């Protein structure tokens, strides 16, 4: 009986091994035939394609970032160049007693304005001679309307006289005895008074009206400025450019800006405007100003 029991155990052992072998064989067969494995390989290929595209997009993004950095660098260099140019213009602004160098900057502009006025006069004459003639070319011409000096019935100048942003209040009186009150280009009559709008010296968000005067400074003209919104502040200098430089400095300080504006004082006082020149040259004593060169002549 002991031997029989051993045989039964062997048989049981053999029977228990057969299912294991069959399972392994079936698993190996399913590994190559399962549709899920095919789907897995497809997904893997798509994933590889996405990784490749990501690398391409990353390279494009890196290139764009490098381009942005280059443009930002160029922009900073451009801004620095503008600041240097503005600072150079500020340094070149003339605030010395001799304004003839600054005046030369406006000479060409004044001559062009006078030439334009002469052309307007010629066109007006042509219109009077050919009132009945109308050509398509002439109809297309758009000529600016000439501003005429206001006069009374006796031909005297009527003030105040608004010329664009300049309002002429008084022409004053010419002092031909003292040469300091004129130069080759301009005459500075004592009592000459105008108004002009410019940036406020106390309010960074608004402009104000400045009253510009020429007063008798004994040794020469004294140019004074007062602002409508700050009447207690009165600025003065021996030159028109010098007093306007003070206004610009204060106006930029209240706006937290560097003073980089370059101006011509005679232009801001109106002395460079052709109509102001014409009115001053009609005043008594202009022919006695020996250094002054007349720019308009009466017929």
Protein backbone atom coordinates (compact mmCIF):
# COMPACT_ATOMS: atom_id res chain seq x y z
CA UNK A 1 0.00 0.00 0.00
CA UNK A 2 2.79 2.47 0.60
CA UNK A 3 3.98 2.01 -2.94
CA UNK A 4 0.51 2.66 -4.32
CA UNK A 5 0.26 5.93 -2.47
CA UNK A 6 3.48 7.17 -4.00
CA UNK A 7 2.25 6.45 -7.48
CA UNK A 8 -0.90 8.42 -6.86
CA UNK A 9 1.15 11.40 -5.74
CA UNK A 10 3.22 11.30 -8.90
CA UNK A 11 0.11 11.23 -11.02
CA UNK A 12 -1.32 14.18 -9.16
CA UNK A 13 1.88 16.09 -9.68
CA UNK A 14 1.87 15.38 -13.40
CA UNK A 15 -1.70 16.47 -13.76
CA UNK A 16 -1.05 19.69 -11.91
CA UNK A 17 1.81 20.68 -14.29
CA UNK A 18 -0.16 20.35 -17.51
CA UNK A 19 -2.41 23.42 -17.02
CA UNK A 20 0.63 25.67 -16.37
CA UNK A 21 2.28 24.67 -19.64
CA UNK A 22 -0.94 25.27 -21.57
CA UNK A 23 -1.43 28.72 -20.04
CA UNK A 24 2.06 29.87 -20.98
CA UNK A 25 1.54 28.65 -24.52
CA UNK A 26 -1.78 30.44 -24.80
CA UNK A 27 -0.24 33.72 -23.46
CA UNK A 28 2.52 33.59 -26.05
CA UNK A 29 -0.01 33.15 -28.81
CA UNK A 30 -2.18 36.09 -27.61
CA UNK A 31 0.86 38.47 -27.55
CA UNK A 32 1.12 38.48 -31.36
CA UNK A 33 -2.53 38.29 -32.27
CA UNK A 34 -4.18 40.73 -29.86
CA UNK A 35 -5.64 43.83 -31.57
CA UNK A 36 -4.70 45.91 -28.58
CA UNK A 37 -1.01 45.41 -29.41
CA UNK A 38 -1.61 46.80 -32.91
CA UNK A 39 -3.38 49.82 -31.48
CA UNK A 40 -0.54 50.30 -29.05
CA UNK A 41 2.02 50.38 -31.87
CA UNK A 42 -0.08 52.91 -33.81
CA UNK A 43 -0.32 55.14 -30.77
CA UNK A 44 3.41 54.81 -30.23
CA UNK A 45 4.11 55.97 -33.80
CA UNK A 46 1.78 58.95 -33.33
CA UNK A 47 3.50 59.81 -30.10
CA UNK A 48 6.89 59.77 -31.85
CA UNK A 49 5.48 62.07 -34.55
CA UNK A 50 4.18 64.47 -31.91
CA UNK A 51 7.55 64.50 -30.18
CA UNK A 52 9.23 65.32 -33.51
CA UNK A 53 6.75 68.14 -34.19
CA UNK A 54 7.29 69.48 -30.67
CA UNK A 55 11.02 69.67 -31.36
CA UNK A 56 10.35 71.61 -34.58
CA UNK A 57 8.00 74.02 -32.79
CA UNK A 58 10.50 74.51 -29.99
CA UNK A 59 13.22 75.35 -32.50
CA UNK A 60 10.90 77.87 -34.18
CA UNK A 61 10.01 79.39 -30.80
CA UNK A 62 13.67 79.69 -29.84
CA UNK A 63 14.39 81.42 -33.13
CA UNK A 64 11.52 83.87 -32.56
CA UNK A 65 12.75 84.63 -29.04
CA UNK A 66 16.23 85.37 -30.36
CA UNK A 67 14.69 87.68 -32.96
CA UNK A 68 12.71 89.50 -30.25
CA UNK A 69 15.84 89.96 -28.15
CA UNK A 70 17.67 91.39 -31.17
CA UNK A 71 14.84 93.84 -31.91
CA UNK A 72 14.64 94.91 -28.26
CA UNK A 73 18.37 95.59 -28.26
CA UNK A 74 18.09 97.67 -31.44
CA UNK A 75 15.14 99.56 -29.92
CA UNK A 76 17.15 100.40 -26.80
CA UNK A 77 20.03 101.61 -28.95
CA UNK A 78 17.61 103.74 -30.98
CA UNK A 79 16.13 105.30 -27.82
CA UNK A 80 19.60 106.04 -26.48
CA UNK A 81 20.51 107.68 -29.78
CA UNK A 82 17.36 109.84 -29.60
CA UNK A 83 18.23 110.92 -26.06
CA UNK A 84 21.76 111.85 -27.12
CA UNK A 85 20.41 113.82 -30.08
CA UNK A 86 17.88 115.64 -27.88
CA UNK A 87 20.58 116.43 -25.33
CA UNK A 88 22.81 117.77 -28.08
CA UNK A 89 20.02 120.03 -29.32
CA UNK A 90 19.49 121.30 -25.79
CA UNK A 91 23.19 122.09 -25.46
CA UNK A 92 23.12 123.93 -28.77
CA UNK A 93 20.28 126.28 -27.68
CA UNK A 94 21.58 129.86 -27.57
CA UNK A 95 20.74 131.81 -24.40
CA UNK A 96 23.57 134.37 -24.69
CA UNK A 97 23.00 138.12 -25.14
CA UNK A 98 23.94 137.82 -28.81
CA UNK A 99 21.00 136.17 -30.60
CA UNK A 100 22.17 136.68 -34.17
CA UNK A 101 23.30 133.05 -34.50
CA UNK A 102 19.87 131.82 -33.42
CA UNK A 103 18.22 134.34 -35.71
CA UNK A 104 20.02 132.92 -38.74
CA UNK A 105 18.15 129.63 -38.20
CA UNK A 106 14.90 131.43 -38.96
CA UNK A 107 16.20 133.46 -41.91
CA UNK A 108 15.48 130.85 -44.54
CA UNK A 109 11.98 130.25 -43.16
CA UNK A 110 11.17 133.97 -43.21
CA UNK A 111 12.39 134.27 -46.79
CA UNK A 112 10.25 131.29 -47.85
CA UNK A 113 7.19 132.85 -46.21
CA UNK A 114 7.88 136.14 -48.01
CA UNK A 115 8.26 134.30 -51.32
CA UNK A 116 4.95 132.51 -50.73
CA UNK A 117 3.27 135.86 -50.05
CA UNK A 118 4.76 137.26 -53.30
CA UNK A 119 3.41 134.25 -55.17
CA UNK A 120 -0.01 134.80 -53.63
CA UNK A 121 0.07 138.44 -54.74
CA UNK A 122 0.97 137.40 -58.30
CA UNK A 123 -1.87 134.87 -58.34
CA UNK A 124 -4.30 137.51 -57.03
CA UNK A 125 -3.21 139.83 -59.85
CA UNK A 126 -3.76 137.05 -62.39
CA UNK A 127 -7.23 136.47 -60.97
CA UNK A 128 -8.09 140.15 -61.36
CA UNK A 129 -6.81 140.28 -64.96
CA UNK A 130 -8.60 137.08 -66.01
CA UNK A 131 -11.85 137.13 -64.07
CA UNK A 132 -13.77 135.64 -67.00
CA UNK A 133 -11.21 132.89 -67.71
CA UNK A 134 -11.65 129.64 -65.83
CA UNK A 135 -9.45 126.63 -66.51
CA UNK A 136 -9.67 123.19 -64.87
CA UNK A 137 -6.11 123.56 -63.59
CA UNK A 138 -6.86 126.84 -61.85
CA UNK A 139 -10.02 125.38 -60.34
CA UNK A 140 -7.99 122.58 -58.78
CA UNK A 141 -5.57 124.99 -57.12
CA UNK A 142 -6.17 125.42 -53.38
CA UNK A 143 -4.49 128.60 -52.23
CA UNK A 144 -4.38 129.49 -48.58
CA UNK A 145 -6.30 132.56 -47.52
CA UNK A 146 -4.02 135.50 -46.81
CA UNK A 147 -4.24 137.11 -43.41
CA UNK A 148 -4.49 140.87 -43.72
CA UNK A 149 -3.41 143.38 -41.08
CA UNK A 150 -6.59 144.97 -39.64
CA UNK A 151 -6.78 148.72 -40.25
CA UNK A 152 -9.22 151.52 -39.60
CA UNK A 153 -10.64 153.87 -42.22
CA UNK A 154 -7.47 155.99 -42.03
CA UNK A 155 -5.16 153.01 -42.62
CA UNK A 156 -3.94 152.79 -39.04
CA UNK A 157 -3.27 149.35 -37.56
CA UNK A 158 -6.01 148.09 -35.24
CA UNK A 159 -4.94 146.05 -32.21
CA UNK A 160 -5.24 143.50 -30.70
CA UNK A 161 -4.43 141.37 -33.73
CA UNK A 162 -4.62 137.55 -33.53
CA UNK A 163 -2.10 135.75 -35.78
CA UNK A 164 -2.55 131.98 -35.29
CA UNK A 165 -1.39 131.29 -31.71
CA UNK A 166 0.11 134.79 -31.34
CA UNK A 167 -1.99 137.72 -30.13
CA UNK A 168 -0.38 141.12 -30.69
CA UNK A 169 -1.54 143.57 -28.00
CA UNK A 170 0.86 146.53 -28.37
CA UNK A 171 3.60 147.37 -30.84
CA UNK A 172 5.39 149.75 -28.45
CA UNK A 173 7.81 152.48 -29.56
CA UNK A 174 11.12 152.22 -31.42
CA UNK A 175 14.23 153.53 -29.65
CA UNK A 176 16.58 154.26 -32.55
CA UNK A 177 19.07 156.18 -30.39
CA UNK A 178 20.32 153.09 -28.57
CA UNK A 179 21.70 150.38 -30.89
CA UNK A 180 21.03 147.64 -28.33
CA UNK A 181 17.33 147.79 -29.22
CA UNK A 182 17.80 146.38 -32.73
CA UNK A 183 20.09 144.20 -34.83
CA UNK A 184 20.28 143.35 -38.53
CA UNK A 185 17.18 141.17 -38.45
CA UNK A 186 14.93 142.48 -35.68
CA UNK A 187 13.80 145.64 -33.92
CA UNK A 188 12.77 145.40 -30.26
CA UNK A 189 10.30 148.26 -29.56
CA UNK A 190 9.94 149.27 -25.91
CA UNK A 191 6.46 148.31 -24.73
CA UNK A 192 5.97 145.62 -27.35
CA UNK A 193 3.47 143.13 -25.87
CA UNK A 194 2.09 139.84 -27.20
CA UNK A 195 0.38 136.75 -25.82
CA UNK A 196 1.19 133.16 -26.67
CA UNK A 197 -0.08 129.76 -25.46
CA UNK A 198 2.48 127.26 -24.15
CA UNK A 199 2.90 124.48 -21.55
CA UNK A 200 2.19 125.53 -17.98
CA UNK A 201 5.08 125.83 -15.50
CA UNK A 202 2.93 124.63 -12.57
CA UNK A 203 0.30 122.30 -14.08
CA UNK A 204 1.75 119.31 -15.94
CA UNK A 205 -1.57 118.51 -17.60
CA UNK A 206 -2.48 121.90 -19.09
CA UNK A 207 -1.26 124.85 -21.11
CA UNK A 208 -1.54 128.51 -20.24
CA UNK A 209 -1.25 131.95 -21.82
CA UNK A 210 2.06 133.79 -21.49
CA UNK A 211 2.31 137.57 -21.77
CA UNK A 212 5.59 138.54 -23.45
CA UNK A 213 6.90 142.10 -23.09
CA UNK A 214 9.91 144.17 -24.11
CA UNK A 215 10.85 146.62 -21.38
CA UNK A 216 13.55 149.25 -21.01
CA UNK A 217 16.50 147.62 -19.26
CA UNK A 218 18.63 150.80 -19.45
CA UNK A 219 21.61 148.96 -20.96
CA UNK A 220 19.34 147.30 -23.51
CA UNK A 221 16.00 145.56 -23.90
CA UNK A 222 14.70 143.45 -21.00
CA UNK A 223 12.49 140.58 -22.12
CA UNK A 224 9.87 139.56 -19.52
CA UNK A 225 7.31 136.76 -19.34
CA UNK A 226 4.37 136.15 -17.01
CA UNK A 227 1.94 133.21 -17.02
CA UNK A 228 -1.83 133.58 -16.63
CA UNK A 229 -2.00 130.64 -14.19
CA UNK A 230 0.96 131.91 -12.11
CA UNK A 231 0.89 135.73 -12.19
CA UNK A 232 3.20 135.94 -9.19
CA UNK A 233 6.02 134.41 -11.26
CA UNK A 234 7.73 136.87 -13.59
CA UNK A 235 10.72 135.74 -15.62
CA UNK A 236 13.16 138.08 -17.32
CA UNK A 237 16.36 137.93 -19.35
CA UNK A 238 18.46 140.11 -21.61
CA UNK A 239 17.45 138.06 -24.65
CA UNK A 240 14.17 136.65 -25.92
CA UNK A 241 15.69 133.18 -26.19
CA UNK A 242 17.04 133.42 -22.66
CA UNK A 243 13.69 134.14 -21.02
CA UNK A 244 11.88 131.44 -23.03
CA UNK A 245 14.60 128.97 -22.03
CA UNK A 246 13.61 129.57 -18.41
CA UNK A 247 9.98 128.80 -19.20
CA UNK A 248 10.90 125.59 -20.98
CA UNK A 249 13.11 124.49 -18.10
CA UNK A 250 10.35 125.00 -15.52
CA UNK A 251 7.68 123.44 -17.74
CA UNK A 252 9.80 120.33 -18.22
CA UNK A 253 10.70 120.11 -14.53
CA UNK A 254 7.04 119.98 -13.49
CA UNK A 255 6.57 117.17 -16.05
CA UNK A 256 9.66 115.32 -14.79
CA UNK A 257 11.33 115.63 -18.17
CA UNK A 258 14.79 116.66 -19.20
CA UNK A 259 14.97 120.09 -20.82
CA UNK A 260 15.62 119.18 -24.44
CA UNK A 261 13.49 121.74 -26.29
CA UNK A 262 15.46 124.07 -28.55
CA UNK A 263 13.61 127.26 -29.50
CA UNK A 264 14.22 130.69 -30.95
CA UNK A 265 13.14 133.51 -28.66
CA UNK A 266 12.45 136.04 -31.45
CA UNK A 267 10.15 133.48 -33.09
CA UNK A 268 8.17 132.92 -29.88
CA UNK A 269 7.93 136.68 -29.36
CA UNK A 270 6.57 137.00 -32.89
CA UNK A 271 9.45 139.08 -34.24
CA UNK A 272 10.08 136.50 -36.99
CA UNK A 273 6.50 136.57 -38.33
CA UNK A 274 6.19 138.46 -41.64
CA UNK A 275 3.06 140.35 -40.52
CA UNK A 276 4.73 141.50 -37.29
CA UNK A 277 7.78 142.56 -39.29
CA UNK A 278 5.52 144.52 -41.64
CA UNK A 279 3.75 146.27 -38.75
CA UNK A 280 7.01 147.19 -36.99
CA UNK A 281 8.53 148.50 -40.21
CA UNK A 282 5.59 150.92 -40.52
CA UNK A 283 6.45 152.48 -37.15
CA UNK A 284 8.19 155.81 -36.70
CA UNK A 285 11.96 155.63 -36.32
CA UNK A 286 12.58 152.38 -38.18
CA UNK A 287 14.71 154.18 -40.81
CA UNK A 288 16.99 155.50 -38.06
CA UNK A 289 17.93 152.00 -36.91
CA UNK A 290 21.25 151.91 -38.74
CA UNK A 291 22.03 148.19 -38.38
CA UNK A 292 18.57 146.97 -39.28
CA UNK A 293 17.97 145.70 -42.81
CA UNK A 294 14.44 146.39 -43.95
CA UNK A 295 12.55 143.40 -45.42
CA UNK A 296 9.41 145.08 -46.70
CA UNK A 297 9.13 148.30 -48.68
CA UNK A 298 6.24 150.63 -49.32
CA UNK A 299 5.46 151.42 -52.92
